[in-house]
């Protein structure tokens, strides 16, 4: 059972996501070195390994990647997952994610931002709305206005099959621009 404060934090995040949903494109000059940003849910080891395989395939296409994962539980700041991450511990009183990895990630110049969240996790959608990128790609049914390219997994697809669809879609559309 969620408390009043947890429900308030969730509603606050939803309002902020909807408020930033129109900020999809950068209007400034294109920098010489651009990255593909990858946001993902770091729920368990097989999910993290799948995302790391996806990232290596994108890098094999000649696109440098930077990633950050969201761990959906409270963890000690001393825990190291082998990749940049943030957790529920790193959310402020308003429920907004905030730590040094997020600050470093959001300062990058992204040509494409890919949200590989399969479970509609609010902090990842919030970050996707706040970070500016030329193209945004994601799998959200709840926030379709956040993304230029949407990945719609079918009911019987597992996470690996959905990531293969995302890679194919990325390769056919965004990587060619």
Foldseek 3Di string as FASTA:
>chain_A
DDDPLVVQLVVLLVVLLVVLLQQAADPDDADPAAAEEEEEECADDVRVVLVVVLQVVVVVLVHHYAYEYEHADDDDPPDDPPHHYFYQVQADSSRAGDDPSLVVRLPGAHQEYEYLYPDPDSNSSSSLSVRYHHFYEYADPPSPSNGPHYQDDDPPDDSNRSSVVVSVVCVVPVSVD
